[in-house]
Amino acid sequence: MRAAVPDFMLAGVRPLALPPIEPAKVIDGEFPEVGEAQAPPPFVAGEFPEMPAPQYHAIEAMSSSGAKKMLRSPQHYRLMRTTPNEPTPAMEFGTVVHCGVLEPDLFPSIVATAPECDKRSKDGKAEWAAFTLANAGRIAMKAEELARARRCIDAIRAHPAASKLLAGGRSEVSLFWEDGKYKVPCKCRWDSLNHGGGIDVKTTQDASPEGFARQAANLHYHVQAAHYISGHEHVLNESPQFFAFICVESEPPHAVACYVLPGNAILAGMHLVNRAYARYAEALATQTWPGYPETIDVLTLPKWALRFND
């Protein structure tokens, strides 16, 4: 039986107007295909288990990545939404591992083995152009990089705790909701839902407890967790029993570790998430996306820089 949730936490079901973005409209059935010349798909509150990733990313709503940018400034958030950066090789590598672990049936459709050719020569240019045309939309990886990604995927599948966390779970579940307090549109996309909790798969340079803890703090993974938990409660009317990470090192020996976030980390993340939601609400209401303060402030150096060793 699902735990009761106060009314003020429940998701709104009406469409939201998001200036200066086109007003959202509720639609029935499948989301339309997204093209470069098309407007973003409309915001629709609810659970969408099979929404394609491009549709999810195109919909204007506060995501965990957006919250991290908003904590820096609304200007940084707006830049992310209007001119997204090209994925780095590390990001593409993570995407390939992610797909191989969570959506193995789609794996052949998202990655292609790049040919070994000299792009400076006439023949090499022609070969690369033909490959690019035939594999539009797929991630091109050298054979050795693809083999490395497969080793990461196999390492996760062979890990007792990781395989148990994922076995029988629901992958790539998209949730959309209106925040009960700030009335802003929000979204998240669970890697996997299973055993009453949520699981997130991460590639990392260091999966040790100390190394991954530093990465989690630096990259605000606790903000991600708080945002996802909020969405889970708004849309599914229950709190997930845990937020777990499956971490695999991207370099040999591709060691795997599994962690859950404690309550104090999620509480700290929720404090930051609320700050991001408040800034998003103000930016939408005023249609302004400010950067840093326009005042002259005192610069406070970190404590380590103020230590005297002599």
Protein backbone atom coordinates (compact mmCIF):
# COMPACT_ATOMS: atom_id res chain seq x y z
CA MET A 1 0.00 0.00 0.00
CA ARG A 2 1.37 3.39 -0.93
CA ALA A 3 2.03 5.90 1.82
CA ALA A 4 -0.27 8.90 1.93
CA VAL A 5 1.16 12.19 0.66
CA PRO A 6 -0.17 15.63 1.71
CA ASP A 7 -2.26 17.37 -0.92
CA PHE A 8 0.23 20.20 -1.32
CA MET A 9 2.85 17.70 -2.53
CA LEU A 10 0.74 16.19 -5.26
CA ALA A 11 1.55 16.98 -8.89
CA GLY A 12 -0.45 19.55 -10.80
CA VAL A 13 -2.20 18.25 -13.90
CA ARG A 14 -2.76 21.46 -15.80
CA PRO A 15 -0.44 22.60 -18.61
CA LEU A 16 2.06 25.31 -17.71
CA ALA A 17 2.93 28.44 -19.66
CA LEU A 18 6.70 28.86 -19.65
CA PRO A 19 7.70 32.28 -20.99
CA PRO A 20 9.60 32.95 -23.16
CA ILE A 21 9.04 29.37 -24.33
CA GLU A 22 5.86 28.54 -26.21
CA PRO A 23 2.95 27.74 -23.86
CA ALA A 24 2.70 24.05 -23.09
CA LYS A 25 -0.38 22.06 -24.03
CA VAL A 26 -1.55 18.72 -22.74
CA ILE A 27 -1.57 16.07 -25.42
CA ASP A 28 -2.89 12.54 -25.64
CA GLY A 29 -1.04 9.49 -26.88
CA GLU A 30 2.60 9.49 -27.91
CA PHE A 31 4.88 12.51 -27.89
CA PRO A 32 5.70 13.80 -31.37
CA GLU A 33 9.13 13.32 -32.87
CA VAL A 34 11.58 16.11 -32.10
CA GLY A 35 13.36 17.89 -34.92
CA GLU A 36 15.77 20.79 -34.87
CA ALA A 37 13.24 23.15 -36.45
CA GLN A 38 10.37 22.12 -34.20
CA ALA A 39 9.26 23.68 -30.91
CA PRO A 40 9.88 21.66 -27.73
CA PRO A 41 7.23 19.03 -26.97
CA PRO A 42 4.55 20.13 -24.50
CA PHE A 43 4.88 19.57 -20.77
CA VAL A 44 2.57 16.80 -19.54
CA ALA A 45 2.48 15.81 -15.87
CA GLY A 46 2.68 12.09 -15.15
CA GLU A 47 4.76 8.93 -15.59
CA PHE A 48 6.09 7.96 -19.03
CA PRO A 49 7.97 4.63 -18.95
CA GLU A 50 8.89 4.48 -22.64
CA MET A 51 9.55 8.10 -23.60
CA PRO A 52 12.55 8.38 -25.98
CA ALA A 53 15.47 10.30 -24.51
CA PRO A 54 15.40 13.13 -27.13
CA GLN A 55 11.79 13.91 -26.27
CA TYR A 56 12.56 13.93 -22.57
CA HIS A 57 15.50 16.29 -22.93
CA ALA A 58 13.62 18.66 -25.26
CA ILE A 59 10.75 19.33 -22.85
CA GLU A 60 11.26 22.53 -20.84
CA ALA A 61 11.17 21.70 -17.12
CA MET A 62 13.59 21.76 -14.21
CA SER A 63 15.85 18.69 -14.26
CA SER A 64 18.60 17.71 -11.85
CA SER A 65 21.20 18.96 -14.35
CA GLY A 66 19.22 22.17 -14.67
CA ALA A 67 19.08 22.56 -10.91
CA LYS A 68 22.87 22.35 -10.71
CA LYS A 69 23.18 25.06 -13.36
CA MET A 70 20.51 27.18 -11.67
CA LEU A 71 22.45 27.02 -8.40
CA ARG A 72 25.29 28.75 -10.26
CA SER A 73 22.98 31.31 -11.85
CA PRO A 74 19.81 31.52 -13.96
CA GLN A 75 22.00 32.79 -16.79
CA HIS A 76 23.98 29.54 -16.79
CA TYR A 77 20.74 27.53 -16.78
CA ARG A 78 19.34 29.46 -19.74
CA LEU A 79 22.53 28.97 -21.72
CA MET A 80 22.33 25.23 -21.10
CA ARG A 81 18.76 25.11 -22.40
CA THR A 82 19.27 27.33 -25.45
CA THR A 83 22.75 26.28 -26.59
CA PRO A 84 23.55 22.85 -25.16
CA ASN A 85 27.19 21.78 -25.32
CA GLU A 86 28.35 18.98 -27.57
CA PRO A 87 28.88 15.80 -25.54
CA THR A 88 32.48 15.10 -24.56
CA PRO A 89 34.08 11.71 -25.29
CA ALA A 90 33.70 10.86 -21.60
CA MET A 91 29.98 11.69 -21.75
CA GLU A 92 29.51 9.61 -24.88
CA PHE A 93 31.37 6.73 -23.24
CA GLY A 94 29.04 6.96 -20.24
CA THR A 95 26.00 6.99 -22.54
CA VAL A 96 27.16 3.82 -24.28
CA VAL A 97 27.78 2.01 -20.99
CA HIS A 98 24.48 3.29 -19.65
CA CYS A 99 22.58 1.93 -22.66
CA GLY A 100 24.38 -1.41 -22.60
CA VAL A 101 23.47 -1.92 -18.95
CA LEU A 102 19.91 -0.60 -18.95
CA GLU A 103 18.66 -0.96 -22.53
CA PRO A 104 20.73 -3.69 -24.20
CA ASP A 105 18.17 -4.11 -26.99
CA LEU A 106 18.84 -0.53 -28.10
CA PHE A 107 22.62 -0.86 -27.92
CA PRO A 108 23.18 -1.50 -31.67
CA SER A 109 21.10 1.55 -32.54
CA ILE A 110 23.06 4.06 -30.45
CA VAL A 111 26.68 3.15 -31.20
CA ALA A 112 28.71 2.33 -34.30
CA THR A 113 32.31 1.20 -34.71
CA ALA A 114 34.24 3.99 -36.43
CA PRO A 115 36.44 2.97 -39.37
CA GLU A 116 40.20 3.37 -39.18
CA CYS A 117 40.81 5.96 -41.88
CA ASP A 118 42.98 9.00 -42.49
CA LYS A 119 40.54 11.91 -42.51
CA ARG A 120 43.20 14.12 -44.07
CA SER A 121 43.35 12.08 -47.28
CA LYS A 122 40.78 12.19 -50.07
CA ASP A 123 39.86 8.52 -49.67
CA GLY A 124 39.76 8.83 -45.90
CA LYS A 125 37.47 11.83 -46.06
CA ALA A 126 35.15 9.97 -48.43
CA GLU A 127 35.11 6.88 -46.22
CA TRP A 128 34.36 8.94 -43.11
CA ALA A 129 31.61 10.90 -44.87
CA ALA A 130 29.94 7.67 -45.99
CA PHE A 131 30.20 6.24 -42.47
CA THR A 132 28.75 9.39 -40.92
CA LEU A 133 25.85 9.43 -43.37
CA ALA A 134 25.05 5.75 -42.80
CA ASN A 135 25.21 6.10 -39.00
CA ALA A 136 23.54 9.45 -38.41
CA GLY A 137 22.42 9.81 -34.81
CA ARG A 138 24.69 7.06 -33.51
CA ILE A 139 27.80 7.52 -31.37
CA ALA A 140 30.94 6.72 -33.33
CA MET A 141 33.52 4.85 -31.25
CA LYS A 142 36.85 3.34 -32.12
CA ALA A 143 36.97 -0.43 -31.79
CA GLU A 144 39.18 -0.29 -28.70
CA GLU A 145 36.89 2.24 -27.00
CA LEU A 146 33.83 0.15 -27.74
CA ALA A 147 35.62 -2.90 -26.32
CA ARG A 148 36.38 -0.89 -23.17
CA ALA A 149 32.71 0.07 -22.85
CA ARG A 150 31.67 -3.57 -23.21
CA ARG A 151 34.08 -4.54 -20.41
CA CYS A 152 32.40 -1.97 -18.15
CA ILE A 153 28.97 -3.37 -19.03
CA ASP A 154 30.13 -6.93 -18.36
CA ALA A 155 31.69 -5.87 -15.05
CA ILE A 156 28.38 -4.45 -13.82
CA ARG A 157 26.47 -7.53 -14.92
CA ALA A 158 28.98 -9.77 -13.11
CA HIS A 159 28.87 -7.81 -9.86
CA PRO A 160 26.57 -9.55 -7.32
CA ALA A 161 25.06 -6.43 -5.74
CA ALA A 162 24.78 -4.48 -8.99
CA SER A 163 23.13 -7.32 -10.87
CA LYS A 164 20.68 -7.85 -8.00
CA LEU A 165 19.77 -4.17 -7.91
CA LEU A 166 18.99 -4.16 -11.64
CA ALA A 167 17.39 -7.60 -12.14
CA GLY A 168 13.72 -7.21 -13.02
CA GLY A 169 13.73 -3.42 -12.71
CA ARG A 170 12.03 -0.85 -14.92
CA SER A 171 14.56 1.18 -16.88
CA GLU A 172 14.44 4.78 -18.13
CA VAL A 173 11.24 5.90 -16.39
CA SER A 174 10.48 9.57 -17.04
CA LEU A 175 8.48 11.55 -14.47
CA PHE A 176 7.00 15.04 -14.93
CA TRP A 177 5.40 17.09 -12.18
CA GLU A 178 4.63 20.56 -10.94
CA ASP A 179 6.39 21.30 -7.67
CA GLY A 180 3.87 21.73 -4.87
CA LYS A 181 5.57 24.73 -3.28
CA TYR A 182 7.09 26.72 -6.13
CA LYS A 183 4.62 25.69 -8.88
CA VAL A 184 7.35 25.14 -11.47
CA PRO A 185 7.47 22.29 -14.01
CA CYS A 186 9.97 19.58 -13.13
CA LYS A 187 11.21 16.34 -14.65
CA CYS A 188 13.50 13.43 -13.90
CA ARG A 189 14.43 10.19 -15.60
CA TRP A 190 15.20 7.22 -13.36
CA ASP A 191 17.85 4.87 -14.70
CA SER A 192 16.06 2.02 -12.96
CA LEU A 193 13.25 1.53 -10.46
CA ASN A 194 13.43 -1.70 -8.49
CA HIS A 195 13.02 -3.15 -4.99
CA GLY A 196 11.08 -0.07 -3.91
CA GLY A 197 13.95 2.31 -4.68
CA GLY A 198 15.76 4.12 -7.46
CA ILE A 199 19.09 3.22 -9.05
CA ASP A 200 21.52 5.43 -10.96
CA VAL A 201 24.40 4.05 -13.06
CA LYS A 202 27.62 6.09 -13.12
CA THR A 203 30.93 5.69 -14.91
CA THR A 204 33.79 7.10 -12.86
CA GLN A 205 37.55 7.29 -12.60
CA ASP A 206 37.50 6.17 -8.95
CA ALA A 207 34.75 4.00 -7.49
CA SER A 208 36.37 3.69 -4.06
CA PRO A 209 34.34 5.05 -1.11
CA GLU A 210 36.62 8.07 -0.73
CA GLY A 211 36.98 8.75 -4.45
CA PHE A 212 33.31 8.45 -5.34
CA ALA A 213 32.27 10.47 -2.28
CA ARG A 214 34.41 13.34 -3.56
CA GLN A 215 32.88 13.02 -7.02
CA ALA A 216 29.35 12.89 -5.58
CA ALA A 217 29.95 16.07 -3.59
CA ASN A 218 31.72 17.94 -6.41
CA LEU A 219 29.08 17.02 -9.01
CA HIS A 220 26.13 17.53 -6.65
CA TYR A 221 24.79 13.99 -6.83
CA HIS A 222 22.91 14.67 -3.60
CA VAL A 223 21.02 17.41 -5.46
CA GLN A 224 20.12 14.88 -8.14
CA ALA A 225 18.90 12.44 -5.49
CA ALA A 226 16.72 15.04 -3.76
CA HIS A 227 15.20 16.14 -7.07
CA TYR A 228 14.43 12.56 -8.11
CA ILE A 229 12.92 11.71 -4.73
CA SER A 230 10.70 14.80 -4.95
CA GLY A 231 9.48 13.72 -8.38
CA HIS A 232 8.86 10.18 -7.17
CA GLU A 233 6.71 11.50 -4.32
CA HIS A 234 4.79 13.95 -6.49
CA VAL A 235 4.00 11.53 -9.32
CA LEU A 236 3.91 8.10 -7.69
CA ASN A 237 2.56 9.18 -4.27
CA GLU A 238 5.29 7.35 -2.36
CA SER A 239 8.82 7.87 -1.16
CA PRO A 240 11.48 5.60 -2.67
CA GLN A 241 13.05 3.38 -0.03
CA PHE A 242 16.57 4.25 -1.19
CA PHE A 243 18.64 6.07 -3.81
CA ALA A 244 21.47 3.81 -4.95
CA PHE A 245 24.47 4.30 -7.23
CA ILE A 246 26.08 1.57 -9.31
CA CYS A 247 29.58 2.84 -10.09
CA VAL A 248 31.96 1.32 -12.61
CA GLU A 249 35.48 2.55 -13.25
CA SER A 250 35.96 3.49 -16.89
CA GLU A 251 39.57 2.28 -16.90
CA PRO A 252 40.85 -1.25 -16.13
CA PRO A 253 40.27 -3.21 -14.01
CA HIS A 254 36.73 -1.70 -14.30
CA ALA A 255 36.03 -2.21 -10.61
CA VAL A 256 32.38 -1.89 -9.57
CA ALA A 257 30.94 -0.57 -6.31
CA CYS A 258 27.40 0.13 -5.09
CA TYR A 259 26.39 2.85 -2.65
CA VAL A 260 23.24 4.35 -1.14
CA LEU A 261 22.96 7.98 -0.07
CA PRO A 262 22.26 8.58 3.64
CA GLY A 263 19.50 10.82 4.89
CA ASN A 264 21.74 13.76 5.78
CA ALA A 265 23.05 13.93 2.20
CA ILE A 266 19.54 13.91 0.77
CA LEU A 267 18.47 16.59 3.27
CA ALA A 268 21.37 18.80 2.18
CA GLY A 269 20.45 18.14 -1.45
CA MET A 270 16.83 19.10 -0.82
CA HIS A 271 17.92 22.43 0.64
CA LEU A 272 19.82 23.20 -2.57
CA VAL A 273 17.00 21.89 -4.79
CA ASN A 274 14.54 24.28 -3.15
CA ARG A 275 16.94 27.15 -3.80
CA ALA A 276 17.12 26.15 -7.48
CA TYR A 277 13.31 25.86 -7.74
CA ALA A 278 12.88 29.32 -6.19
CA ARG A 279 15.30 30.88 -8.68
CA TYR A 280 13.57 29.09 -11.56
CA ALA A 281 10.16 30.33 -10.42
CA GLU A 282 11.41 33.92 -10.23
CA ALA A 283 13.11 33.69 -13.63
CA LEU A 284 9.96 32.36 -15.27
CA ALA A 285 7.79 34.99 -13.59
CA THR A 286 10.03 37.93 -14.52
CA GLN A 287 11.29 36.51 -17.82
CA THR A 288 14.81 37.48 -16.76
CA TRP A 289 17.83 35.19 -16.40
CA PRO A 290 20.42 37.07 -14.34
CA GLY A 291 24.02 35.99 -13.82
CA TYR A 292 26.10 36.90 -10.80
CA PRO A 293 25.25 39.91 -8.56
CA GLU A 294 25.97 43.30 -10.10
CA THR A 295 27.57 44.56 -6.90
CA ILE A 296 31.20 44.62 -5.73
CA ASP A 297 31.63 41.93 -3.09
CA VAL A 298 34.39 40.81 -0.75
CA LEU A 299 36.14 37.67 -2.01
CA THR A 300 36.48 34.98 0.65
CA LEU A 301 39.37 32.60 0.05
CA PRO A 302 39.05 28.92 1.05
CA LYS A 303 40.49 28.03 4.46
CA TRP A 304 43.39 26.06 3.00
CA ALA A 305 44.65 29.15 1.18
CA LEU A 306 44.88 31.11 4.44
CA ARG A 307 47.12 28.66 6.33
CA PHE A 308 50.69 29.67 7.17
CA ASN A 309 53.19 26.81 7.11
CA ASP A 310 56.29 28.70 8.25
